[in-house]
Amino acid sequence: MIQNLTSKIQNLQQHSGFMKYFKNTSWLFGEKILRMVVGLFVGIWVARYLGPEQFGLFSYAQSFVGLFTAIATLGLDGIVVRELVKDESRRDELIGTAFYLKLIGAIAVLIVLAVAIQFTSNDHYTNILVFIIASATIFQAFNVVDMYFQAKVLSKYVVYANVISLFVSSIVKVVLILNDAPLIAFAWATLFDSVVLALGFIYYYVKNSSIFNIKNLIFKRETAVSLLKDSWPLILSGIVISIYMKIDQVMIQEMMGSEAVGQYAAAVRISEAWYFIPMVIASSLFPAIINAKKQSEELYYARLQKLYDLMVWMAIAIALPMTFLSDWVVNLLYGEQYSEAGSVLMIHIWAGVFVALGVVTGKVVIVNNKQLNGMYCTGIGATSNVLLNFLLIPKYGIQGAAVATMLSQIISGFVIPFWFKVDKRYPMIALKSLILLGVKK
């Protein structure tokens, strides 16, 4: 058995395609694990320093901005990667057009926010926090460089930029804590993070593009129309995804206040800390799935089934122990002042199973050009989340919000795609993944 395993490993090492994607995924995993450890440590320190009420206000401002950030991304990321994989000769045209579109989207976010805050009970200080944090979306236009490196399966350069940004950000936040900085200083730190990351992207793109000429990165109207034609359902999907990922904290703020948001946000930070794993795997293997579909249908579905299986096993392996250790984990990390967060974590952690499935389904939507079907799925999921929050928060408080999140993720990430088929074999593949507990194979 050991000999067979060794032989398989050696064969994989000699497989150039496998090693290419393995190295790419390893770079992404390494950076995200580092970000999780360092970010979680610093984030917990910030939460302890601010306390539940101020941390809740900070989390609310981030969540409120998060409701609209999908406008800035314009659903372009996966579409641009797909087009770059198909035809690399269009690199400058695609990256240049996507950059200007994202910049326009970021400006649109600020305009929409200016209108949206009129319908809230926010005070002047809270609105200042919101606009400082929202200004970071302008610099996120530079993540078009990330799309290029994704398509080239060269994510190590993205990792370099992210690690630099992470360490600079962490040092800044630690300095703020040690100097008893006010809450607004942490909002400015969020904006500064985006500036540093944008500079890192620019540096590594210029350094690793021997034929790069900034004059080639121009806005091309025909390309913009083509990209937006494919991405507009993803824009709407992104908005509704933001709604059911962020609306709970916004509604808790309006119904219960900042301290309740702080308790809930503390649990969510732990529950969602691992979400980068399915995102990294799906993003890194996205080009491989596109290429598999080009080669043969059976190869495509074989890879897709393995990816869904991996997501389910991984999510359950994380959720199961956390269910029993939630109170202990929260007390260890945040202290007694966040005592209400444990019961939220126990429930919220199970939403991750269906988040992981949904991440893969999102990629399948793009591969099959079924963006409209994907939009229906996420739209129904977001609507269900808002309704469930309205019903459950007044009766069960922040625990009710956790239940609403879990149920809405089941609806949007698993149930609804059965009706709005994102792929002809989706029902069979998804069911196999969820019932593979020792039965499959």
Protein backbone atom coordinates (compact mmCIF):
# COMPACT_ATOMS: atom_id res chain seq x y z
CA MET A 1 0.00 0.00 0.00
CA ILE A 2 2.78 2.45 0.94
CA GLN A 3 4.63 1.50 -2.24
CA ASN A 4 1.54 2.17 -4.36
CA LEU A 5 1.04 5.53 -2.63
CA THR A 6 4.69 6.47 -3.23
CA SER A 7 4.35 5.48 -6.88
CA LYS A 8 1.23 7.64 -7.30
CA ILE A 9 2.95 10.62 -5.71
CA GLN A 10 5.93 10.21 -8.02
CA ASN A 11 3.64 10.03 -11.06
CA LEU A 12 1.87 13.20 -9.98
CA GLN A 13 5.20 14.97 -9.48
CA GLN A 14 6.11 14.13 -13.06
CA HIS A 15 2.77 15.43 -14.35
CA SER A 16 3.49 19.01 -15.42
CA GLY A 17 -0.18 20.07 -15.44
CA PHE A 18 -0.81 18.76 -11.93
CA MET A 19 2.35 20.36 -10.53
CA LYS A 20 1.48 23.69 -12.13
CA TYR A 21 -1.92 23.85 -10.42
CA PHE A 22 -0.60 22.29 -7.20
CA LYS A 23 2.10 24.96 -6.85
CA ASN A 24 -0.39 27.70 -7.67
CA THR A 25 -2.85 26.42 -5.05
CA SER A 26 -0.03 26.01 -2.51
CA TRP A 27 0.95 29.66 -2.88
CA LEU A 28 -2.64 30.77 -2.38
CA PHE A 29 -3.14 28.45 0.59
CA GLY A 30 0.07 29.60 2.23
CA GLU A 31 -0.91 33.26 1.96
CA LYS A 32 -4.48 32.68 3.15
CA ILE A 33 -3.38 30.56 6.12
CA LEU A 34 -0.90 33.27 7.08
CA ARG A 35 -3.66 35.86 6.67
CA MET A 36 -6.03 33.80 8.79
CA VAL A 37 -3.49 33.38 11.62
CA VAL A 38 -2.10 36.93 11.62
CA GLY A 39 -5.42 38.56 10.70
CA LEU A 40 -7.40 36.61 13.28
CA PHE A 41 -4.83 37.38 15.99
CA VAL A 42 -4.78 41.10 15.22
CA GLY A 43 -8.54 41.17 14.61
CA ILE A 44 -9.21 39.59 18.01
CA TRP A 45 -6.83 42.07 19.64
CA VAL A 46 -8.73 44.92 17.96
CA ALA A 47 -12.06 43.43 19.13
CA ARG A 48 -10.80 43.11 22.71
CA TYR A 49 -9.43 46.66 22.62
CA LEU A 50 -12.60 48.25 21.21
CA GLY A 51 -15.07 46.19 23.26
CA PRO A 52 -18.44 44.84 22.00
CA GLU A 53 -20.11 48.23 21.43
CA GLN A 54 -17.37 49.99 19.45
CA PHE A 55 -16.38 46.76 17.68
CA GLY A 56 -20.04 46.33 16.78
CA LEU A 57 -20.19 49.83 15.32
CA PHE A 58 -17.02 49.17 13.30
CA SER A 59 -18.41 45.84 12.05
CA TYR A 60 -21.72 47.47 11.17
CA ALA A 61 -19.95 50.13 9.07
CA GLN A 62 -17.98 47.42 7.23
CA SER A 63 -21.13 45.36 6.67
CA PHE A 64 -23.12 48.36 5.45
CA VAL A 65 -20.41 49.15 2.90
CA GLY A 66 -20.24 45.45 2.03
CA LEU A 67 -23.86 45.55 0.87
CA PHE A 68 -22.79 47.68 -2.09
CA THR A 69 -19.22 46.60 -2.94
CA ALA A 70 -20.50 44.17 -5.60
CA ILE A 71 -21.27 47.27 -7.68
CA ALA A 72 -17.53 48.04 -7.70
CA THR A 73 -16.48 44.53 -8.76
CA LEU A 74 -19.13 44.44 -11.53
CA GLY A 75 -18.97 40.62 -11.53
CA LEU A 76 -15.98 40.83 -13.86
CA ASP A 77 -13.39 38.69 -12.08
CA GLY A 78 -14.35 35.23 -13.33
CA ILE A 79 -15.37 36.54 -16.76
CA VAL A 80 -12.03 38.27 -17.35
CA VAL A 81 -10.10 35.18 -16.18
CA ARG A 82 -12.14 33.06 -18.58
CA GLU A 83 -11.40 35.38 -21.51
CA LEU A 84 -7.69 35.59 -20.66
CA VAL A 85 -7.45 31.78 -20.60
CA LYS A 86 -9.18 31.62 -23.99
CA ASP A 87 -7.06 34.29 -25.68
CA GLU A 88 -3.99 35.70 -23.95
CA SER A 89 -3.29 38.05 -26.87
CA ARG A 90 -6.14 40.24 -25.59
CA ARG A 91 -4.41 40.75 -22.24
CA ASP A 92 -3.89 44.52 -22.34
CA GLU A 93 -7.32 45.16 -23.83
CA LEU A 94 -9.11 43.03 -21.22
CA ILE A 95 -7.15 44.27 -18.20
CA GLY A 96 -7.35 47.91 -19.26
CA THR A 97 -11.09 47.79 -19.91
CA ALA A 98 -11.79 45.89 -16.68
CA PHE A 99 -9.75 48.41 -14.67
CA TYR A 100 -11.71 51.42 -15.94
CA LEU A 101 -15.01 49.62 -15.46
CA LYS A 102 -14.10 48.81 -11.85
CA LEU A 103 -13.06 52.41 -11.24
CA ILE A 104 -16.44 53.61 -12.51
CA GLY A 105 -18.10 50.99 -10.32
CA ALA A 106 -16.23 52.25 -7.23
CA ILE A 107 -17.43 55.80 -7.83
CA ALA A 108 -20.96 54.44 -8.25
CA VAL A 109 -20.66 52.76 -4.83
CA LEU A 110 -19.94 56.09 -3.15
CA ILE A 111 -22.92 57.70 -4.88
CA VAL A 112 -25.27 54.86 -3.92
CA LEU A 113 -24.03 54.98 -0.31
CA ALA A 114 -24.73 58.71 -0.15
CA VAL A 115 -28.36 57.92 -0.98
CA ALA A 116 -28.64 54.75 1.15
CA ILE A 117 -27.54 56.38 4.44
CA GLN A 118 -30.57 58.68 4.21
CA PHE A 119 -32.75 55.65 4.98
CA THR A 120 -30.84 54.61 8.12
CA SER A 121 -30.81 55.80 11.71
CA ASN A 122 -27.03 56.41 11.54
CA ASP A 123 -25.55 59.40 13.33
CA HIS A 124 -22.93 61.66 11.72
CA TYR A 125 -19.99 59.76 13.25
CA THR A 126 -21.22 56.41 11.91
CA ASN A 127 -21.64 57.87 8.42
CA ILE A 128 -18.05 59.15 8.48
CA LEU A 129 -16.87 55.62 9.32
CA VAL A 130 -18.94 54.27 6.42
CA PHE A 131 -17.48 56.65 3.83
CA ILE A 132 -13.87 56.21 4.96
CA ILE A 133 -14.20 52.42 4.64
CA ALA A 134 -16.10 52.73 1.34
CA SER A 135 -13.29 54.82 -0.19
CA ALA A 136 -11.16 51.66 -0.20
CA THR A 137 -13.22 50.32 -3.14
CA ILE A 138 -11.52 52.84 -5.45
CA PHE A 139 -8.16 51.14 -4.96
CA GLN A 140 -9.68 47.67 -5.35
CA ALA A 141 -9.86 48.38 -9.09
CA PHE A 142 -6.21 47.34 -9.19
CA ASN A 143 -7.14 43.71 -8.46
CA VAL A 144 -7.41 43.31 -12.24
CA VAL A 145 -3.77 42.28 -11.85
CA ASP A 146 -4.98 39.36 -9.71
CA MET A 147 -7.17 38.22 -12.64
CA TYR A 148 -4.17 38.19 -14.95
CA PHE A 149 -2.07 36.09 -12.58
CA GLN A 150 -5.03 33.73 -12.00
CA ALA A 151 -5.31 33.11 -15.73
CA LYS A 152 -1.55 32.53 -15.97
CA VAL A 153 -1.65 30.26 -12.88
CA LEU A 154 1.02 32.49 -11.30
CA SER A 155 -0.63 33.35 -8.02
CA LYS A 156 2.67 33.64 -6.14
CA TYR A 157 2.95 37.27 -7.24
CA VAL A 158 -0.51 38.02 -5.86
CA VAL A 159 0.60 36.31 -2.66
CA TYR A 160 3.66 38.57 -2.41
CA ALA A 161 1.49 41.67 -2.69
CA ASN A 162 -1.04 40.35 -0.17
CA VAL A 163 1.60 39.37 2.38
CA ILE A 164 3.22 42.80 2.23
CA SER A 165 -0.20 44.41 2.69
CA LEU A 166 -1.03 42.05 5.58
CA PHE A 167 2.10 42.81 7.55
CA VAL A 168 1.92 46.57 7.00
CA SER A 169 -1.76 46.51 8.00
CA SER A 170 -1.07 44.42 11.10
CA ILE A 171 1.75 46.68 12.25
CA VAL A 172 -0.43 49.76 11.79
CA LYS A 173 -3.28 48.26 13.84
CA VAL A 174 -0.96 47.14 16.64
CA VAL A 175 0.53 50.65 16.78
CA LEU A 176 -2.99 52.10 16.96
CA ILE A 177 -3.91 49.81 19.85
CA LEU A 178 -0.71 50.56 21.78
CA ASN A 179 -1.34 54.29 21.36
CA ASP A 180 -4.99 54.15 22.49
CA ALA A 181 -6.26 55.30 19.10
CA PRO A 182 -9.96 56.12 18.58
CA LEU A 183 -12.28 53.98 16.49
CA ILE A 184 -12.07 56.25 13.44
CA ALA A 185 -8.32 55.53 13.19
CA PHE A 186 -9.12 51.87 12.45
CA ALA A 187 -11.40 52.97 9.61
CA TRP A 188 -8.50 54.96 8.11
CA ALA A 189 -6.32 51.86 8.53
CA THR A 190 -8.80 49.90 6.38
CA LEU A 191 -8.43 52.47 3.61
CA PHE A 192 -4.64 52.41 3.96
CA ASP A 193 -4.66 48.58 3.54
CA SER A 194 -6.22 48.96 0.09
CA VAL A 195 -3.68 51.56 -0.97
CA VAL A 196 -0.74 49.34 0.01
CA LEU A 197 -2.24 46.31 -1.76
CA ALA A 198 -2.87 48.33 -4.93
CA LEU A 199 0.76 49.50 -4.99
CA GLY A 200 1.88 45.88 -4.55
CA PHE A 201 -0.24 44.73 -7.49
CA ILE A 202 1.14 47.48 -9.71
CA TYR A 203 4.73 46.65 -8.79
CA TYR A 204 4.50 42.90 -9.46
CA TYR A 205 2.52 43.33 -12.68
CA VAL A 206 5.08 45.76 -14.12
CA LYS A 207 7.99 43.62 -12.89
CA ASN A 208 6.66 40.39 -14.44
CA SER A 209 5.37 41.74 -17.72
CA SER A 210 8.37 42.30 -19.99
CA ILE A 211 6.28 43.80 -22.77
CA PHE A 212 4.13 45.89 -20.45
CA ASN A 213 3.28 49.39 -21.63
CA ILE A 214 0.76 51.41 -19.67
CA LYS A 215 -0.41 53.08 -22.90
CA ASN A 216 -1.76 49.69 -24.05
CA LEU A 217 -4.15 49.52 -21.08
CA ILE A 218 -6.95 51.46 -22.71
CA PHE A 219 -10.70 51.37 -22.32
CA LYS A 220 -12.30 49.66 -25.30
CA ARG A 221 -16.03 50.22 -25.61
CA GLU A 222 -16.74 47.02 -27.56
CA THR A 223 -14.87 44.94 -24.98
CA ALA A 224 -16.67 46.68 -22.12
CA VAL A 225 -20.06 45.94 -23.67
CA SER A 226 -19.09 42.31 -24.24
CA LEU A 227 -17.82 41.86 -20.66
CA LEU A 228 -20.84 43.54 -19.10
CA LYS A 229 -23.20 41.50 -21.28
CA ASP A 230 -21.81 38.35 -19.66
CA SER A 231 -21.29 39.80 -16.20
CA TRP A 232 -24.49 41.73 -15.51
CA PRO A 233 -26.22 38.72 -13.93
CA LEU A 234 -23.10 38.28 -11.78
CA ILE A 235 -23.34 41.94 -10.71
CA LEU A 236 -26.87 41.33 -9.48
CA SER A 237 -25.80 38.01 -7.97
CA GLY A 238 -22.92 39.75 -6.22
CA ILE A 239 -25.28 42.34 -4.76
CA VAL A 240 -27.67 39.71 -3.43
CA ILE A 241 -24.75 37.62 -2.13
CA SER A 242 -23.56 40.70 -0.25
CA ILE A 243 -27.06 41.14 1.12
CA TYR A 244 -27.31 37.69 2.63
CA MET A 245 -23.71 37.79 3.85
CA LYS A 246 -23.93 41.26 5.43
CA ILE A 247 -27.59 42.15 5.98
CA ASP A 248 -27.78 40.30 9.30
CA GLN A 249 -25.39 42.73 11.01
CA VAL A 250 -27.14 45.73 9.48
CA MET A 251 -30.52 44.47 10.71
CA ILE A 252 -29.17 43.63 14.17
CA GLN A 253 -27.85 47.20 14.41
CA GLU A 254 -31.27 48.64 13.55
CA MET A 255 -33.20 46.24 15.83
CA MET A 256 -30.85 45.67 18.78
CA GLY A 257 -27.94 48.14 18.69
CA SER A 258 -24.14 48.14 18.37
CA GLU A 259 -23.32 45.88 21.31
CA ALA A 260 -25.44 43.05 19.89
CA VAL A 261 -23.68 43.52 16.53
CA GLY A 262 -20.33 43.23 18.34
CA GLN A 263 -21.31 39.91 19.94
CA TYR A 264 -22.61 38.55 16.65
CA ALA A 265 -19.65 39.84 14.61
CA ALA A 266 -17.17 38.19 16.99
CA ALA A 267 -18.76 34.78 16.31
CA VAL A 268 -19.00 35.40 12.56
CA ARG A 269 -15.30 36.32 12.34
CA ILE A 270 -14.41 32.87 13.68
CA SER A 271 -17.09 31.05 11.68
CA GLU A 272 -16.04 32.64 8.38
CA ALA A 273 -12.28 32.55 9.01
CA TRP A 274 -11.89 29.39 6.92
CA TYR A 275 -14.07 30.51 3.98
CA PHE A 276 -10.94 31.44 2.08
CA ILE A 277 -10.15 27.72 1.66
CA PRO A 278 -12.99 26.84 -0.76
CA MET A 279 -12.48 30.18 -2.52
CA VAL A 280 -8.76 29.52 -3.02
CA ILE A 281 -9.33 25.97 -4.24
CA ALA A 282 -12.11 26.99 -6.64
CA SER A 283 -10.20 30.02 -7.99
CA SER A 284 -6.97 28.10 -8.46
CA LEU A 285 -8.65 25.16 -10.20
CA PHE A 286 -11.00 27.30 -12.29
CA PRO A 287 -8.68 27.29 -15.34
CA ALA A 288 -8.33 23.49 -15.03
CA ILE A 289 -12.12 23.07 -15.04
CA ILE A 290 -12.42 25.30 -18.12
CA ASN A 291 -9.75 23.25 -19.91
CA ALA A 292 -11.40 19.96 -18.86
CA LYS A 293 -14.67 21.05 -20.44
CA LYS A 294 -12.78 21.77 -23.66
CA GLN A 295 -11.26 18.26 -23.67
CA SER A 296 -14.22 16.06 -22.75
CA GLU A 297 -17.49 16.11 -20.87
CA GLU A 298 -16.58 13.10 -18.75
CA LEU A 299 -13.29 14.62 -17.61
CA TYR A 300 -15.13 17.83 -16.73
CA TYR A 301 -17.74 16.04 -14.60
CA ALA A 302 -15.17 13.78 -12.94
CA ARG A 303 -13.18 16.82 -11.81
CA LEU A 304 -16.32 18.63 -10.74
CA GLN A 305 -17.53 15.71 -8.59
CA LYS A 306 -14.17 15.48 -6.82
CA LEU A 307 -14.23 19.20 -6.14
CA TYR A 308 -17.74 19.10 -4.64
CA ASP A 309 -16.80 16.05 -2.53
CA LEU A 310 -13.73 17.81 -1.20
CA MET A 311 -15.74 20.87 -0.21
CA VAL A 312 -18.33 18.89 1.75
CA TRP A 313 -15.81 16.80 3.69
CA MET A 314 -13.73 19.84 4.51
CA ALA A 315 -16.71 21.86 5.77
CA ILE A 316 -18.05 19.06 7.96
CA ALA A 317 -14.59 18.42 9.42
CA ILE A 318 -14.51 22.07 10.56
CA ALA A 319 -18.15 22.44 11.67
CA LEU A 320 -18.48 19.27 13.76
CA PRO A 321 -15.83 19.94 16.44
CA MET A 322 -16.65 23.66 16.54
CA THR A 323 -20.24 22.80 17.48
CA PHE A 324 -19.05 21.39 20.82
CA LEU A 325 -16.16 23.79 21.44
CA SER A 326 -17.80 27.11 20.51
CA ASP A 327 -18.15 28.56 24.03
CA TRP A 328 -14.62 27.56 24.96
CA VAL A 329 -13.17 28.99 21.73
CA VAL A 330 -14.97 32.34 22.12
CA ASN A 331 -13.96 32.69 25.77
CA LEU A 332 -10.35 31.82 24.95
CA LEU A 333 -10.09 34.29 22.07
CA TYR A 334 -12.33 37.20 23.03
CA GLY A 335 -12.77 36.91 26.78
CA GLU A 336 -15.87 37.05 28.97
CA GLN A 337 -17.09 40.36 27.51
CA TYR A 338 -18.16 38.42 24.38
CA SER A 339 -19.97 35.64 26.29
CA GLU A 340 -23.04 35.70 24.01
CA ALA A 341 -21.01 34.89 20.88
CA GLY A 342 -20.54 31.18 21.65
CA SER A 343 -24.16 30.20 21.01
CA VAL A 344 -24.08 32.12 17.72
CA LEU A 345 -20.91 30.36 16.58
CA MET A 346 -22.42 26.93 17.34
CA ILE A 347 -25.18 27.60 14.79
CA HIS A 348 -23.45 29.82 12.25
CA ILE A 349 -20.55 27.41 11.63
CA TRP A 350 -22.88 24.98 9.78
CA ALA A 351 -23.68 27.57 7.12
CA GLY A 352 -20.14 26.93 5.88
CA VAL A 353 -21.08 23.54 4.41
CA PHE A 354 -23.40 25.21 1.93
CA VAL A 355 -21.16 28.22 1.42
CA ALA A 356 -18.47 25.80 0.23
CA LEU A 357 -20.90 24.14 -2.19
CA GLY A 358 -22.04 27.55 -3.39
CA VAL A 359 -18.49 28.65 -4.18
CA VAL A 360 -18.06 25.75 -6.61
CA THR A 361 -21.52 26.27 -8.04
CA GLY A 362 -20.60 29.89 -8.73
CA LYS A 363 -17.68 28.73 -10.87
CA VAL A 364 -19.90 26.20 -12.67
CA VAL A 365 -22.30 29.04 -13.49
CA ILE A 366 -19.49 30.91 -15.26
CA VAL A 367 -18.13 27.83 -17.06
CA ASN A 368 -21.61 27.05 -18.45
CA ASN A 369 -22.46 30.73 -19.06
CA LYS A 370 -25.56 30.31 -16.84
CA GLN A 371 -25.18 33.61 -15.01
CA LEU A 372 -28.91 34.33 -15.12
CA ASN A 373 -29.73 31.04 -13.37
CA GLY A 374 -27.07 31.79 -10.76
CA MET A 375 -28.66 35.19 -10.19
CA TYR A 376 -32.05 33.57 -9.52
CA CYS A 377 -30.49 31.23 -6.95
CA THR A 378 -28.72 33.95 -5.02
CA GLY A 379 -31.69 36.33 -5.32
CA ILE A 380 -34.05 33.84 -3.70
CA GLY A 381 -31.43 33.08 -1.05
CA ALA A 382 -30.99 36.77 -0.18
CA THR A 383 -34.75 37.33 -0.03
CA SER A 384 -35.18 34.36 2.28
CA ASN A 385 -32.39 35.66 4.54
CA VAL A 386 -34.00 39.09 4.91
CA LEU A 387 -37.41 37.57 5.67
CA LEU A 388 -35.99 35.05 8.13
CA ASN A 389 -34.05 37.80 9.92
CA PHE A 390 -37.23 39.87 10.24
CA LEU A 391 -38.99 36.87 11.78
CA LEU A 392 -36.23 35.45 13.96
CA ILE A 393 -34.22 38.42 15.30
CA PRO A 394 -37.12 39.97 17.29
CA LYS A 395 -37.93 36.59 18.84
CA TYR A 396 -34.51 34.94 19.27
CA GLY A 397 -32.04 37.83 19.03
CA ILE A 398 -28.59 37.23 17.56
CA GLN A 399 -29.07 33.46 17.70
CA GLY A 400 -32.08 33.93 15.42
CA ALA A 401 -29.86 35.81 12.95
CA ALA A 402 -27.45 32.86 12.92
CA VAL A 403 -30.30 30.44 12.16
CA ALA A 404 -31.51 32.74 9.37
CA THR A 405 -28.04 32.74 7.80
CA MET A 406 -27.74 28.96 7.94
CA LEU A 407 -31.20 28.33 6.44
CA SER A 408 -30.72 30.89 3.67
CA GLN A 409 -27.38 29.32 2.71
CA ILE A 410 -29.06 25.92 2.44
CA ILE A 411 -31.75 27.44 0.22
CA SER A 412 -29.42 29.33 -2.11
CA GLY A 413 -26.37 27.04 -2.08
CA PHE A 414 -28.15 23.69 -2.45
CA VAL A 415 -31.95 23.64 -2.81
CA ILE A 416 -32.69 26.36 -5.39
CA PRO A 417 -30.05 25.24 -7.96
CA PHE A 418 -32.15 22.07 -8.36
CA TRP A 419 -34.90 24.15 -9.98
CA PHE A 420 -32.77 26.72 -11.79
CA LYS A 421 -30.29 24.22 -13.16
CA VAL A 422 -26.77 25.63 -13.35
CA ASP A 423 -25.62 22.38 -14.97
CA LYS A 424 -27.50 19.37 -16.31
CA ARG A 425 -25.80 17.03 -13.80
CA TYR A 426 -25.86 19.40 -10.81
CA PRO A 427 -28.57 17.55 -8.80
CA MET A 428 -26.77 14.21 -9.05
CA ILE A 429 -23.33 15.68 -8.30
CA ALA A 430 -24.52 17.73 -5.31
CA LEU A 431 -26.50 14.84 -3.80
CA LYS A 432 -23.56 12.47 -4.19
CA SER A 433 -21.35 14.94 -2.35
CA LEU A 434 -23.75 15.19 0.60
CA ILE A 435 -24.42 11.44 0.94
CA LEU A 436 -20.92 10.18 0.24
CA LEU A 437 -20.32 9.35 3.91
CA GLY A 438 -18.66 6.02 3.30
CA VAL A 439 -21.23 4.88 0.72
CA LYS A 440 -19.61 6.28 -2.41
CA LYS A 441 -17.11 4.03 -4.10
